[in-house]
Amino acid sequence: MTAVQEEPPLTVQGWGGGLLEVFRRRFLLSLLVRKELRVRYRASVLGLGWSYVKPAVQFFVYFIGMGIILKQRAIGNYPVYLFGGLVVVNTFSEAVGNAARSVVANADLVKKIWLPRELFPVASIFVAVVHLLPQVGVLLVGSLLTGWRPDPVGLAALVAGLLLVLLLALGLGLLLGALNVAFRDVENVVDLVLMVLIWVSPVLYPWQRVAEVFGPGSPWLALYQANPLTVAVELVHRGTWATGSNAGATPPGLMGQTLMAFGMTVVLIAIGQVVFRRLSGRFAQEL
């Protein structure tokens, strides 16, 4: 007798293996990243040079306004402090803003072929990484020129801070990218929130100013310090700024805050993946 060959199980069109499927299709992911970069810098003279120009202009504007006019230079080595915070906030803003629009921006691909939809927000995160690397290089060179010397704890804090902000952006990108397909108001709300991020994280001012306003032990101060983005900024400060005369300037309990922030971020990624997966089956119809 001829053995009956079992048919592979049917899968719902538009559903895939989630983030694991994305990394099994690394070549396709790399194609999407290159496409995003080519589209962004098409007919551009500087190309990736804008990765240096934009942060430099932003840095000088804030340094003149906050460091010189408003006397924030009382913070030791304020240029490094400021630029370290800007690296984190800029990376987060770019990654989340682009990820929230990623599915809608690739509507033609979504409607014509099947591929893991998570590829689009993940590709936005990798594009942000491409722009992050030169900024980190400038930050490290500036820190070295102002007397910073790397130490194992500081380097671990720097890596943890950058990893935290990317994972946080991934979780929010999955969630907002899916919701934006059904409710296009989402991307406008995201723009409004990203616009004020620099003021609700210790980028332009030290965390001690927040403690002075709310008072030690205040629940508002605890909420402020529990924000994963705040933790990421403080980790980068610990890695590149809080050494020498600035040693000990990071908030107490940063290790515990870091573990809590990573835990919150993992939960957010799980929620974002569940919501994305549940809504992805209707992306083609919605678009």
Protein backbone atom coordinates (compact mmCIF):
# COMPACT_ATOMS: atom_id res chain seq x y z
CA MET A 1 0.00 0.00 0.00
CA THR A 2 1.17 3.52 -0.74
CA ALA A 3 1.71 5.60 2.36
CA VAL A 4 -0.56 8.60 2.55
CA GLN A 5 1.56 11.75 2.57
CA GLU A 6 0.48 14.21 5.21
CA GLU A 7 -0.24 17.72 4.03
CA PRO A 8 1.47 20.58 5.87
CA PRO A 9 -0.87 22.42 8.24
CA LEU A 10 -2.68 25.41 6.82
CA THR A 11 -1.66 28.83 8.06
CA VAL A 12 -3.75 31.97 8.15
CA GLN A 13 -2.69 34.30 5.35
CA GLY A 14 -0.91 37.35 6.78
CA TRP A 15 0.20 35.56 9.93
CA GLY A 16 3.75 34.43 10.46
CA GLY A 17 6.13 33.43 13.18
CA GLY A 18 6.42 36.91 14.64
CA LEU A 19 9.81 38.35 15.51
CA LEU A 20 11.49 34.95 15.23
CA GLU A 21 10.33 34.75 11.63
CA VAL A 22 11.85 38.18 10.98
CA PHE A 23 15.30 37.08 12.04
CA ARG A 24 15.01 33.89 10.02
CA ARG A 25 14.56 36.16 7.02
CA ARG A 26 17.61 38.33 7.67
CA PHE A 27 18.34 38.81 3.97
CA LEU A 28 14.89 40.25 3.37
CA LEU A 29 15.35 42.47 6.42
CA SER A 30 18.63 43.78 5.05
CA LEU A 31 16.94 44.57 1.73
CA LEU A 32 14.27 46.60 3.51
CA VAL A 33 16.87 48.50 5.52
CA ARG A 34 18.85 49.35 2.37
CA LYS A 35 15.63 50.40 0.63
CA GLU A 36 14.73 52.74 3.48
CA LEU A 37 18.18 54.31 3.42
CA ARG A 38 18.19 54.73 -0.37
CA VAL A 39 14.74 56.35 -0.34
CA ARG A 40 15.70 58.69 2.49
CA TYR A 41 18.93 59.88 0.89
CA ARG A 42 17.89 59.78 -2.75
CA ALA A 43 19.35 62.79 -4.62
CA SER A 44 21.10 63.85 -1.41
CA VAL A 45 24.62 65.30 -1.62
CA LEU A 46 25.63 64.48 1.96
CA GLY A 47 23.84 61.13 2.21
CA LEU A 48 24.65 59.51 5.55
CA GLY A 49 26.59 62.65 6.40
CA TRP A 50 23.26 63.99 7.67
CA SER A 51 23.74 61.56 10.58
CA TYR A 52 26.42 63.99 11.77
CA VAL A 53 24.95 67.31 10.62
CA LYS A 54 21.50 67.05 12.23
CA PRO A 55 22.70 66.06 15.73
CA ALA A 56 25.47 68.67 15.55
CA VAL A 57 23.03 71.48 14.78
CA GLN A 58 20.65 70.32 17.50
CA PHE A 59 23.51 70.08 19.97
CA PHE A 60 24.74 73.61 19.32
CA VAL A 61 21.24 75.07 19.57
CA TYR A 62 20.62 73.46 22.97
CA PHE A 63 24.14 74.15 24.20
CA ILE A 64 23.83 77.86 23.42
CA GLY A 65 20.30 78.08 24.83
CA MET A 66 20.68 75.89 27.91
CA GLY A 67 24.42 75.80 28.52
CA ILE A 68 25.27 79.46 27.95
CA ILE A 69 22.10 81.52 28.26
CA LEU A 70 20.40 79.51 31.05
CA LYS A 71 23.69 78.71 32.82
CA GLN A 72 23.42 74.92 32.79
CA ARG A 73 27.19 74.90 32.45
CA ALA A 74 27.16 74.44 36.22
CA ILE A 75 26.90 70.75 35.29
CA GLY A 76 30.46 69.53 34.95
CA ASN A 77 31.45 68.72 31.36
CA TYR A 78 28.01 69.82 30.16
CA PRO A 79 28.68 69.28 26.42
CA VAL A 80 29.25 65.54 26.95
CA TYR A 81 26.27 65.33 29.33
CA LEU A 82 24.03 67.07 26.79
CA PHE A 83 25.18 65.12 23.75
CA GLY A 84 24.90 61.78 25.54
CA GLY A 85 21.25 62.48 26.33
CA LEU A 86 20.56 63.72 22.80
CA VAL A 87 21.95 60.49 21.34
CA VAL A 88 19.43 58.46 23.34
CA VAL A 89 16.41 60.68 22.72
CA ASN A 90 17.14 61.18 19.01
CA THR A 91 17.55 57.45 18.44
CA PHE A 92 14.34 56.67 20.30
CA SER A 93 12.38 59.39 18.47
CA GLU A 94 13.58 58.29 15.04
CA ALA A 95 12.99 54.59 15.69
CA VAL A 96 9.52 54.96 17.21
CA GLY A 97 8.36 57.64 14.76
CA ASN A 98 9.38 55.62 11.71
CA ALA A 99 8.17 52.29 13.14
CA ALA A 100 4.73 53.78 13.84
CA ARG A 101 4.44 54.70 10.14
CA SER A 102 6.25 51.66 8.75
CA VAL A 103 3.30 49.44 7.85
CA VAL A 104 1.30 52.26 6.25
CA ALA A 105 4.39 53.50 4.40
CA ASN A 106 4.86 50.02 2.89
CA ALA A 107 1.19 49.57 1.96
CA ASP A 108 2.03 48.46 -1.59
CA LEU A 109 4.13 45.56 -0.33
CA VAL A 110 1.55 44.60 2.28
CA LYS A 111 -1.25 44.44 -0.30
CA LYS A 112 0.69 42.61 -3.04
CA ILE A 113 2.80 39.91 -1.36
CA TRP A 114 2.97 38.04 1.90
CA LEU A 115 5.94 38.54 4.16
CA PRO A 116 6.27 38.84 7.94
CA ARG A 117 4.69 42.21 8.65
CA GLU A 118 7.00 42.66 11.65
CA LEU A 119 9.78 43.23 9.13
CA PHE A 120 8.66 46.82 8.66
CA PRO A 121 8.95 48.13 12.25
CA VAL A 122 12.10 46.04 12.81
CA ALA A 123 13.67 47.55 9.68
CA SER A 124 12.90 51.02 11.10
CA ILE A 125 14.84 50.10 14.26
CA PHE A 126 17.85 48.99 12.20
CA VAL A 127 17.77 52.22 10.18
CA ALA A 128 17.92 54.11 13.47
CA VAL A 129 20.93 51.95 14.46
CA VAL A 130 22.72 53.01 11.26
CA HIS A 131 22.29 56.63 12.32
CA LEU A 132 23.11 55.85 15.95
CA LEU A 133 26.59 54.43 15.32
CA PRO A 134 28.27 57.64 14.09
CA GLN A 135 26.70 59.60 16.95
CA VAL A 136 28.11 57.14 19.47
CA GLY A 137 31.50 57.48 17.80
CA VAL A 138 31.38 61.26 18.16
CA LEU A 139 30.25 60.92 21.79
CA LEU A 140 33.15 58.60 22.66
CA VAL A 141 35.72 60.83 20.96
CA GLY A 142 34.34 63.91 22.73
CA SER A 143 34.40 62.09 26.06
CA LEU A 144 38.01 61.01 25.55
CA LEU A 145 39.09 64.54 24.64
CA THR A 146 37.55 65.88 27.87
CA GLY A 147 39.34 63.40 30.11
CA TRP A 148 37.04 60.38 30.15
CA ARG A 149 38.72 57.02 30.55
CA PRO A 150 36.67 53.87 29.96
CA ASP A 151 36.02 51.50 32.84
CA PRO A 152 34.29 48.09 32.71
CA VAL A 153 31.21 49.22 34.65
CA GLY A 154 30.88 52.35 32.53
CA LEU A 155 31.18 50.45 29.25
CA ALA A 156 28.60 47.92 30.44
CA ALA A 157 26.28 50.80 31.38
CA LEU A 158 26.74 52.40 27.95
CA VAL A 159 25.92 49.18 26.11
CA ALA A 160 22.95 48.53 28.40
CA GLY A 161 21.59 52.03 27.84
CA LEU A 162 21.77 51.76 24.05
CA LEU A 163 20.29 48.27 24.06
CA LEU A 164 17.48 49.39 26.36
CA VAL A 165 16.44 52.29 24.14
CA LEU A 166 16.40 50.07 21.03
CA LEU A 167 14.33 47.35 22.72
CA LEU A 168 11.95 49.97 24.09
CA ALA A 169 11.55 51.43 20.60
CA LEU A 170 10.91 47.94 19.20
CA GLY A 171 8.08 47.24 21.64
CA LEU A 172 6.42 50.59 21.05
CA GLY A 173 7.06 50.36 17.31
CA LEU A 174 5.21 47.03 17.04
CA LEU A 175 2.29 48.32 19.07
CA LEU A 176 1.97 51.72 17.40
CA GLY A 177 2.70 50.41 13.91
CA ALA A 178 -0.25 48.02 14.16
CA LEU A 179 -2.62 50.56 15.71
CA ASN A 180 -1.71 53.19 13.12
CA VAL A 181 -3.12 50.99 10.33
CA ALA A 182 -6.57 51.15 11.91
CA PHE A 183 -6.35 54.64 13.42
CA ARG A 184 -4.20 57.09 11.46
CA ASP A 185 -4.43 59.57 14.33
CA VAL A 186 -1.83 57.44 16.11
CA GLU A 187 1.08 58.86 14.14
CA ASN A 188 0.03 62.42 14.98
CA VAL A 189 -0.21 61.56 18.67
CA VAL A 190 3.23 59.96 18.44
CA ASP A 191 4.67 63.13 16.93
CA LEU A 192 3.26 65.20 19.80
CA VAL A 193 4.67 62.86 22.45
CA LEU A 194 8.10 62.66 20.81
CA MET A 195 8.25 66.44 20.64
CA VAL A 196 8.26 66.75 24.45
CA LEU A 197 10.45 63.75 25.26
CA ILE A 198 13.61 65.81 25.54
CA TRP A 199 12.02 67.79 28.38
CA VAL A 200 10.82 64.78 30.41
CA SER A 201 14.18 62.99 30.48
CA PRO A 202 17.45 64.17 32.09
CA VAL A 203 18.95 65.46 28.85
CA LEU A 204 19.02 69.24 29.34
CA TYR A 205 19.11 69.20 33.14
CA PRO A 206 20.26 66.80 35.90
CA TRP A 207 17.90 64.49 37.77
CA GLN A 208 18.60 66.44 40.97
CA ARG A 209 16.47 69.32 39.61
CA VAL A 210 13.47 66.99 39.48
CA ALA A 211 14.18 65.84 43.04
CA GLU A 212 14.27 69.49 44.15
CA VAL A 213 10.88 70.18 42.56
CA PHE A 214 9.01 67.08 43.79
CA GLY A 215 11.04 66.35 46.91
CA PRO A 216 12.94 63.20 47.88
CA GLY A 217 10.71 60.15 48.19
CA SER A 218 7.96 61.71 46.07
CA PRO A 219 5.93 59.21 43.99
CA TRP A 220 6.30 61.58 41.03
CA LEU A 221 10.09 61.37 41.34
CA ALA A 222 9.85 57.58 41.55
CA LEU A 223 7.66 57.54 38.43
CA TYR A 224 10.10 59.82 36.61
CA GLN A 225 13.05 57.58 37.46
CA ALA A 226 11.14 54.41 36.55
CA ASN A 227 10.66 55.66 32.98
CA PRO A 228 12.81 53.30 30.84
CA LEU A 229 13.90 56.19 28.63
CA THR A 230 15.14 58.09 31.70
CA VAL A 231 17.04 54.99 32.78
CA ALA A 232 18.61 54.66 29.31
CA VAL A 233 19.79 58.29 29.42
CA GLU A 234 21.28 57.81 32.90
CA LEU A 235 23.08 54.64 31.79
CA VAL A 236 24.68 56.48 28.87
CA HIS A 237 25.66 59.28 31.26
CA ARG A 238 27.20 56.69 33.57
CA GLY A 239 29.18 55.27 30.70
CA THR A 240 30.56 58.47 29.19
CA TRP A 241 30.13 61.33 31.67
CA ALA A 242 29.86 60.25 35.33
CA THR A 243 33.57 59.69 35.87
CA GLY A 244 36.33 61.69 37.52
CA SER A 245 34.91 64.83 39.12
CA ASN A 246 31.39 63.77 38.06
CA ALA A 247 31.65 60.31 39.63
CA GLY A 248 28.59 59.50 41.71
CA ALA A 249 26.40 62.02 39.89
CA THR A 250 24.05 59.34 38.57
CA PRO A 251 20.95 58.64 40.68
CA PRO A 252 21.18 56.11 43.52
CA GLY A 253 19.69 52.70 42.82
CA LEU A 254 20.46 52.84 39.08
CA MET A 255 21.12 49.08 38.97
CA GLY A 256 17.67 48.29 40.33
CA GLN A 257 16.07 50.82 38.01
CA THR A 258 17.88 49.21 35.09
CA LEU A 259 16.59 45.73 35.90
CA MET A 260 13.06 47.11 36.28
CA ALA A 261 13.33 49.01 32.98
CA PHE A 262 14.46 45.90 31.09
CA GLY A 263 11.61 43.92 32.67
CA MET A 264 9.08 46.56 31.61
CA THR A 265 10.56 46.62 28.11
CA VAL A 266 10.31 42.83 27.70
CA VAL A 267 6.65 42.97 28.75
CA LEU A 268 6.07 45.82 26.29
CA ILE A 269 7.64 43.82 23.44
CA ALA A 270 5.40 40.86 24.28
CA ILE A 271 2.30 43.09 24.30
CA GLY A 272 3.35 44.76 21.06
CA GLN A 273 3.90 41.38 19.40
CA VAL A 274 0.50 40.06 20.52
CA VAL A 275 -1.36 43.17 19.32
CA PHE A 276 0.60 43.26 16.06
CA ARG A 277 -0.12 39.60 15.37
CA ARG A 278 -3.84 39.93 16.11
CA LEU A 279 -4.24 42.95 13.82
CA SER A 280 -1.85 41.96 11.03
CA GLY A 281 -4.35 39.65 9.36
CA ARG A 282 -6.43 42.70 8.38
CA PHE A 283 -3.61 44.99 7.30
CA ALA A 284 -4.19 44.43 3.57
CA GLN A 285 -7.92 45.16 3.87
CA GLU A 286 -7.39 48.24 6.02
CA LEU A 287 -4.77 49.67 3.66
